[in-house]
Amino acid sequence: MYITITAQKLGGNYSQSSADFVGYLEKENEGLETRDMEHFFNQYGDEISAEEVVKEIDGNTAKLKKKEPKFYSITVSPSKYELRKLKNNSQDLKTYTRELMKDYVSSFNREINGRHITIDDIKYYAKIEHQRTFKGTDFQIKENQPYATKILQLKTEIRNIQERRAEGNIKKMNREIAKLERQAPHQQNGKRIVQGMAKNGNQSHIHIIASRKDASNSISLSPGSKYKTSEVKMHGKNVKRGFDRDNFFEKAEKTFDNTFGYKRNYAETYKAKKTFVKNPSLYFSALMKLPANEKALAFKIISKSGLPAIPGIPISQAQIALRVFKRLRRGVEVAIKSSSIGI
């Protein structure tokens, strides 16, 4: 499971409204029959229109400053192993979303009239998507980049020759381009993976728009808070604040496991990824203590995450660290620093 929490982007190039983001989420419905479309939904309603989502999110921003985010985007991307447990992708992911948002609410350290906030105190809208494209941040694109750069250079040289700005052997250059296309390490359907190419397989995932303000438009709820739990004095009263991301991420995976009977491998857990960043030696030690079948699956999961292929399980823990440590740590640290830890 990979979950990100991102604040609304504000600034000169971004709108104060949620309309652009909602419109972006509607892109997958283009050209589809009504019966095939995925609609927005919330805790109790289905088939909510994009117009209603924009109206509700934009109208729920009382006392927020111009530079403060009006909503947060939560993206939930189950792994291919998790998706295999679903019987009906769309309906099962809706069921999971509604349980997940209860975990989201419980992770806030906030009260309303002396009681902890509940699912009815927040305003959110979600949408299921089934397609993904390769982005510049994907490891396949990064590792194919040297080949892409050389191919672009050759194509530029060919164009210069065709326009008589240079001389050269175009046929030879085209053969070199074809060779580079084949040599690129990451291929899909016999073609070099490039940015914007649709990903194969089940790519179902969830987009959630969560309002910064509670449903009554009176209390600010920020999952981007730097506090887990604390109290601050406001207007002469002690007010609780904070959002426990660790709690949210851990509950999110447990909720999925309990809902769909999923047996999570150690390498997939939030606890393992956090252990890796804080104590790599403990992480590798835990990997080596797994039963043989679980250990094999763990290494398969690690390699599918963009790590170098591991031909066999090395004898010593040190050998494992040398082979996968730098790359795995870089990916996990980036996620944590951006407050978008995968679970």
Protein backbone atom coordinates (compact mmCIF):
# COMPACT_ATOMS: atom_id res chain seq x y z
CA MET A 1 0.00 0.00 0.00
CA TYR A 2 1.28 3.46 -0.82
CA ILE A 3 -0.50 6.46 0.66
CA THR A 4 0.32 10.12 0.15
CA ILE A 5 -1.16 13.18 1.85
CA THR A 6 -0.60 16.39 -0.08
CA ALA A 7 -1.76 19.90 0.70
CA GLN A 8 -3.57 21.93 -1.98
CA LYS A 9 -0.96 23.72 -4.08
CA LEU A 10 -1.32 27.48 -3.77
CA GLY A 11 0.54 30.27 -5.48
CA GLY A 12 0.72 32.22 -8.69
CA ASN A 13 0.24 29.17 -10.87
CA TYR A 14 -2.48 27.51 -8.80
CA SER A 15 -6.14 28.33 -8.31
CA GLN A 16 -7.71 29.05 -4.94
CA SER A 17 -10.56 26.77 -6.01
CA SER A 18 -10.67 22.97 -6.03
CA ALA A 19 -12.10 23.08 -9.58
CA ASP A 20 -8.82 22.37 -11.36
CA PHE A 21 -8.04 19.36 -9.19
CA VAL A 22 -11.58 17.99 -9.47
CA GLY A 23 -11.42 18.46 -13.24
CA TYR A 24 -8.14 16.54 -13.30
CA LEU A 25 -9.81 13.64 -11.50
CA GLU A 26 -12.61 13.63 -14.06
CA LYS A 27 -10.20 13.03 -16.96
CA GLU A 28 -10.60 9.24 -16.88
CA ASN A 29 -14.33 9.55 -17.57
CA GLU A 30 -13.75 11.28 -20.91
CA GLY A 31 -15.24 9.31 -23.79
CA LEU A 32 -16.90 6.71 -21.55
CA GLU A 33 -20.55 5.71 -21.47
CA THR A 34 -22.35 6.83 -18.29
CA ARG A 35 -22.59 3.24 -17.04
CA ASP A 36 -18.79 2.87 -17.28
CA MET A 37 -17.90 6.10 -15.46
CA GLU A 38 -16.54 6.31 -11.93
CA HIS A 39 -18.30 8.99 -9.89
CA PHE A 40 -17.33 10.84 -6.74
CA PHE A 41 -18.64 9.41 -3.46
CA ASN A 42 -18.39 10.10 0.26
CA GLN A 43 -19.25 8.28 3.47
CA TYR A 44 -22.94 7.98 2.68
CA GLY A 45 -23.49 8.99 -0.94
CA ASP A 46 -22.64 7.69 -4.41
CA GLU A 47 -22.69 9.27 -7.87
CA ILE A 48 -21.89 12.76 -6.60
CA SER A 49 -21.27 15.25 -9.39
CA ALA A 50 -18.00 17.11 -9.87
CA GLU A 51 -19.94 20.39 -9.60
CA GLU A 52 -21.21 19.46 -6.15
CA VAL A 53 -17.73 18.49 -5.00
CA VAL A 54 -16.31 21.86 -6.06
CA LYS A 55 -19.22 23.74 -4.48
CA GLU A 56 -18.92 21.90 -1.15
CA ILE A 57 -15.13 22.07 -0.86
CA ASP A 58 -14.86 25.71 -1.99
CA GLY A 59 -17.72 26.73 0.29
CA ASN A 60 -16.15 25.16 3.36
CA THR A 61 -13.22 27.51 3.91
CA ALA A 62 -14.35 29.95 6.61
CA LYS A 63 -11.55 32.07 8.14
CA LEU A 64 -8.81 30.34 6.15
CA LYS A 65 -6.13 32.70 4.88
CA LYS A 66 -5.39 33.06 1.17
CA LYS A 67 -2.11 31.17 1.47
CA GLU A 68 -3.54 28.35 3.60
CA PRO A 69 -4.59 25.11 1.83
CA LYS A 70 -8.35 24.71 1.57
CA PHE A 71 -8.18 20.95 1.14
CA TYR A 72 -5.82 17.99 1.26
CA SER A 73 -5.41 15.32 -1.39
CA ILE A 74 -5.03 11.75 -0.14
CA THR A 75 -3.98 9.16 -2.73
CA VAL A 76 -4.26 5.48 -1.84
CA SER A 77 -2.49 3.03 -4.15
CA PRO A 78 -2.82 -0.65 -3.25
CA SER A 79 -0.09 -2.97 -4.51
CA LYS A 80 -0.78 -5.60 -7.15
CA TYR A 81 -0.72 -8.20 -4.37
CA GLU A 82 -3.39 -6.33 -2.43
CA LEU A 83 -5.53 -5.73 -5.52
CA ARG A 84 -5.61 -9.47 -6.15
CA LYS A 85 -7.60 -9.90 -2.93
CA LEU A 86 -10.44 -7.74 -4.23
CA LYS A 87 -13.45 -9.40 -5.86
CA ASN A 88 -14.98 -6.20 -7.24
CA ASN A 89 -12.34 -3.49 -7.60
CA SER A 90 -14.59 -0.43 -7.55
CA GLN A 91 -17.05 -1.55 -4.87
CA ASP A 92 -14.37 -3.07 -2.64
CA LEU A 93 -12.23 0.07 -2.85
CA LYS A 94 -15.26 2.19 -1.96
CA THR A 95 -15.86 -0.02 1.08
CA TYR A 96 -12.22 0.32 2.06
CA THR A 97 -12.23 4.11 1.57
CA ARG A 98 -15.16 4.52 3.96
CA GLU A 99 -13.37 2.49 6.63
CA LEU A 100 -10.07 4.24 5.92
CA MET A 101 -11.63 7.65 6.53
CA LYS A 102 -12.70 6.50 9.99
CA ASP A 103 -9.00 5.78 10.63
CA TYR A 104 -8.21 9.25 9.27
CA VAL A 105 -10.62 10.90 11.71
CA SER A 106 -9.40 8.88 14.69
CA SER A 107 -5.84 10.06 14.02
CA PHE A 108 -6.70 13.70 14.76
CA ASN A 109 -6.20 14.99 18.28
CA ARG A 110 -9.26 17.24 18.09
CA GLU A 111 -12.51 17.57 19.98
CA ILE A 112 -15.86 19.24 19.33
CA ASN A 113 -17.93 20.16 22.39
CA GLY A 114 -15.86 17.89 24.59
CA ARG A 115 -16.04 14.79 22.37
CA HIS A 116 -13.55 13.41 19.88
CA ILE A 117 -14.44 14.14 16.27
CA THR A 118 -16.20 11.42 14.28
CA ILE A 119 -16.62 10.56 10.61
CA ASP A 120 -19.68 12.81 10.51
CA ASP A 121 -17.54 15.80 11.46
CA ILE A 122 -15.44 15.80 8.30
CA LYS A 123 -16.19 16.68 4.69
CA TYR A 124 -14.56 14.55 2.02
CA TYR A 125 -15.14 13.21 -1.50
CA ALA A 126 -13.40 10.28 -3.15
CA LYS A 127 -13.05 8.79 -6.61
CA ILE A 128 -11.72 5.46 -7.90
CA GLU A 129 -9.41 5.45 -10.91
CA HIS A 130 -8.22 2.42 -12.88
CA GLN A 131 -5.44 3.81 -15.05
CA ARG A 132 -1.94 5.10 -14.41
CA THR A 133 0.81 6.44 -16.63
CA PHE A 134 4.57 6.45 -16.10
CA LYS A 135 5.84 9.70 -14.59
CA GLY A 136 9.27 11.27 -14.50
CA THR A 137 9.69 10.20 -10.89
CA ASP A 138 9.22 6.47 -11.67
CA PHE A 139 12.44 4.45 -11.47
CA GLN A 140 11.77 2.97 -14.92
CA ILE A 141 11.84 6.44 -16.47
CA LYS A 142 14.93 7.48 -14.53
CA GLU A 143 16.87 4.36 -15.47
CA ASN A 144 15.82 4.63 -19.12
CA GLN A 145 16.82 8.31 -19.22
CA PRO A 146 20.42 7.86 -20.48
CA TYR A 147 19.04 5.95 -23.48
CA ALA A 148 16.30 8.54 -24.01
CA THR A 149 18.92 11.32 -24.00
CA LYS A 150 21.09 9.57 -26.61
CA ILE A 151 18.05 8.82 -28.78
CA LEU A 152 16.98 12.47 -28.64
CA GLN A 153 20.48 13.61 -29.58
CA LEU A 154 20.53 11.27 -32.58
CA LYS A 155 17.07 12.41 -33.71
CA THR A 156 18.23 16.02 -33.47
CA GLU A 157 21.29 15.20 -35.59
CA ILE A 158 19.07 13.47 -38.17
CA ARG A 159 16.81 16.51 -38.35
CA ASN A 160 19.82 18.78 -38.86
CA ILE A 161 21.03 16.56 -41.70
CA GLN A 162 17.58 16.48 -43.32
CA GLU A 163 17.42 20.29 -43.15
CA ARG A 164 20.96 20.51 -44.58
CA ARG A 165 22.47 22.13 -41.50
CA ALA A 166 24.85 19.18 -41.07
CA GLU A 167 26.16 16.06 -42.79
CA GLY A 168 26.01 12.43 -41.72
CA ASN A 169 24.76 8.88 -42.31
CA ILE A 170 21.05 8.89 -41.46
CA LYS A 171 20.65 5.12 -41.97
CA LYS A 172 23.47 4.43 -39.52
CA MET A 173 21.93 6.78 -36.97
CA ASN A 174 18.51 5.12 -37.31
CA ARG A 175 20.15 1.73 -36.68
CA GLU A 176 21.80 3.16 -33.56
CA ILE A 177 18.42 4.51 -32.37
CA ALA A 178 16.81 1.09 -32.89
CA LYS A 179 19.64 -0.51 -30.92
CA LEU A 180 19.25 1.94 -28.03
CA GLU A 181 15.48 1.35 -28.00
CA ARG A 182 16.11 -2.38 -27.53
CA GLN A 183 18.87 -1.90 -24.95
CA ALA A 184 16.86 0.32 -22.59
CA PRO A 185 16.52 -1.71 -19.36
CA HIS A 186 12.79 -1.17 -18.89
CA GLN A 187 10.41 -2.32 -21.61
CA GLN A 188 6.66 -2.83 -21.83
CA ASN A 189 5.01 -4.75 -24.66
CA GLY A 190 8.32 -4.73 -26.53
CA LYS A 191 8.74 -0.95 -26.32
CA ARG A 192 10.97 1.29 -24.24
CA ILE A 193 9.01 2.70 -21.31
CA VAL A 194 8.61 6.46 -21.69
CA GLN A 195 6.92 9.16 -19.67
CA GLY A 196 3.16 9.24 -20.30
CA MET A 197 2.92 5.57 -21.35
CA ALA A 198 -0.03 3.76 -19.76
CA LYS A 199 0.98 1.12 -17.21
CA ASN A 200 -0.06 -2.48 -17.79
CA GLY A 201 -2.05 -4.53 -15.32
CA ASN A 202 -4.51 -3.57 -12.62
CA GLN A 203 -3.76 0.04 -11.68
CA SER A 204 -6.83 0.78 -9.54
CA HIS A 205 -6.29 3.44 -6.88
CA ILE A 206 -8.23 6.00 -4.82
CA HIS A 207 -8.17 9.79 -4.82
CA ILE A 208 -9.66 11.57 -1.80
CA ILE A 209 -10.30 15.30 -1.40
CA ALA A 210 -10.57 16.14 2.30
CA SER A 211 -11.68 19.64 3.32
CA ARG A 212 -9.34 21.54 5.64
CA LYS A 213 -12.34 22.62 7.70
CA ASP A 214 -14.72 20.28 9.51
CA ALA A 215 -18.28 19.74 8.25
CA SER A 216 -19.57 22.63 10.36
CA ASN A 217 -17.00 24.95 8.72
CA SER A 218 -15.75 26.05 12.13
CA ILE A 219 -12.75 23.90 13.07
CA SER A 220 -9.51 23.48 11.12
CA LEU A 221 -8.35 19.89 10.58
CA SER A 222 -4.87 19.68 9.11
CA PRO A 223 -3.26 16.27 8.44
CA GLY A 224 -0.19 18.30 7.56
CA SER A 225 0.24 19.41 11.17
CA LYS A 226 3.76 19.02 12.53
CA TYR A 227 2.24 18.00 15.86
CA LYS A 228 1.10 14.47 16.71
CA THR A 229 -0.66 15.40 19.93
CA SER A 230 -0.44 18.64 21.87
CA GLU A 231 -2.52 21.33 23.50
CA VAL A 232 -2.41 25.08 22.97
CA LYS A 233 -4.24 27.89 24.76
CA MET A 234 -6.63 29.79 22.48
CA HIS A 235 -9.07 32.45 23.68
CA GLY A 236 -8.44 31.36 27.26
CA LYS A 237 -9.21 27.69 26.57
CA ASN A 238 -6.96 24.66 26.14
CA VAL A 239 -7.41 23.33 22.61
CA LYS A 240 -6.14 19.94 21.43
CA ARG A 241 -4.33 19.81 18.10
CA GLY A 242 -2.27 17.50 15.92
CA PHE A 243 -2.48 14.55 13.54
CA ASP A 244 -0.76 11.22 14.20
CA ARG A 245 0.43 10.02 10.81
CA ASP A 246 2.04 6.89 12.23
CA ASN A 247 -1.30 5.93 13.72
CA PHE A 248 -3.11 6.62 10.43
CA PHE A 249 -0.68 4.62 8.27
CA GLU A 250 -0.64 1.67 10.65
CA LYS A 251 -4.43 1.60 10.92
CA ALA A 252 -4.81 1.92 7.16
CA GLU A 253 -2.98 -1.31 6.48
CA LYS A 254 -4.68 -3.16 9.34
CA THR A 255 -8.08 -2.05 8.08
CA PHE A 256 -7.27 -3.39 4.61
CA ASP A 257 -6.00 -6.67 6.02
CA ASN A 258 -9.04 -7.18 8.24
CA THR A 259 -11.53 -6.13 5.55
CA PHE A 260 -10.20 -8.42 2.82
CA GLY A 261 -8.38 -11.15 4.76
CA TYR A 262 -5.02 -10.06 3.42
CA LYS A 263 -1.86 -11.60 4.91
CA ARG A 264 0.71 -8.82 4.77
CA ASN A 265 4.36 -9.69 4.27
CA TYR A 266 6.90 -8.02 6.55
CA ALA A 267 8.42 -6.10 3.60
CA GLU A 268 5.03 -4.48 2.90
CA THR A 269 4.42 -3.12 6.38
CA TYR A 270 4.71 0.48 7.49
CA LYS A 271 6.57 -0.76 10.57
CA ALA A 272 9.24 -2.42 8.40
CA LYS A 273 9.79 0.65 6.23
CA LYS A 274 10.05 2.89 9.24
CA THR A 275 12.48 0.44 10.89
CA PHE A 276 14.60 0.50 7.73
CA VAL A 277 15.07 4.26 7.93
CA LYS A 278 15.71 4.37 11.68
CA ASN A 279 17.66 1.13 12.15
CA PRO A 280 18.76 -0.57 8.89
CA SER A 281 20.59 -3.39 10.68
CA LEU A 282 17.44 -4.29 12.60
CA TYR A 283 15.46 -4.24 9.36
CA PHE A 284 17.82 -6.65 7.59
CA SER A 285 18.00 -8.84 10.66
CA ALA A 286 14.21 -9.12 10.68
CA LEU A 287 14.24 -10.03 6.96
CA MET A 288 16.72 -12.84 7.53
CA LYS A 289 14.62 -14.30 10.37
CA LEU A 290 11.52 -14.70 8.19
CA PRO A 291 10.43 -18.24 7.21
CA ALA A 292 11.86 -19.27 3.83
CA ASN A 293 8.65 -18.72 1.84
CA GLU A 294 7.98 -15.32 3.43
CA LYS A 295 11.61 -14.32 2.93
CA ALA A 296 11.41 -15.20 -0.76
CA LEU A 297 8.22 -13.13 -1.13
CA ALA A 298 9.82 -10.23 0.75
CA PHE A 299 12.73 -10.09 -1.70
CA LYS A 300 10.32 -10.37 -4.62
CA ILE A 301 8.34 -7.42 -3.28
CA ILE A 302 11.54 -5.41 -2.74
CA SER A 303 12.78 -6.10 -6.27
CA LYS A 304 9.39 -5.15 -7.80
CA SER A 305 9.62 -1.84 -5.94
CA GLY A 306 12.40 -0.73 -8.24
CA LEU A 307 15.38 -2.36 -6.57
CA PRO A 308 18.02 -4.33 -8.46
CA ALA A 309 17.09 -7.96 -9.10
CA ILE A 310 18.50 -10.25 -6.42
CA PRO A 311 19.49 -13.60 -8.00
CA GLY A 312 19.55 -15.41 -4.69
CA ILE A 313 19.42 -14.79 -0.99
CA PRO A 314 22.96 -13.87 0.13
CA ILE A 315 24.51 -15.74 3.01
CA SER A 316 25.27 -12.77 5.20
CA GLN A 317 23.27 -9.78 6.28
CA ALA A 318 26.14 -7.54 5.15
CA GLN A 319 25.83 -8.80 1.57
CA ILE A 320 22.13 -7.93 1.55
CA ALA A 321 22.87 -4.45 2.81
CA LEU A 322 25.51 -3.88 0.13
CA ARG A 323 23.13 -4.92 -2.63
CA VAL A 324 19.93 -3.14 -1.68
CA PHE A 325 20.60 -0.69 1.13
CA LYS A 326 21.46 2.51 -0.74
CA ARG A 327 18.64 2.32 -3.22
CA LEU A 328 15.92 1.24 -0.81
CA ARG A 329 16.89 3.86 1.74
CA ARG A 330 16.87 6.64 -0.86
CA GLY A 331 13.31 5.80 -1.93
CA VAL A 332 11.93 5.48 1.59
CA GLU A 333 13.67 8.62 2.87
CA VAL A 334 12.24 10.69 0.00
CA ALA A 335 8.76 9.46 0.89
CA ILE A 336 9.14 10.28 4.56
CA LYS A 337 10.67 13.72 3.96
CA SER A 338 7.77 14.63 1.72
CA SER A 339 5.32 13.32 4.35
CA SER A 340 4.17 10.74 1.83
CA ILE A 341 5.38 7.51 3.36
CA GLY A 342 4.27 4.39 1.54
CA ILE A 343 2.66 1.64 3.55
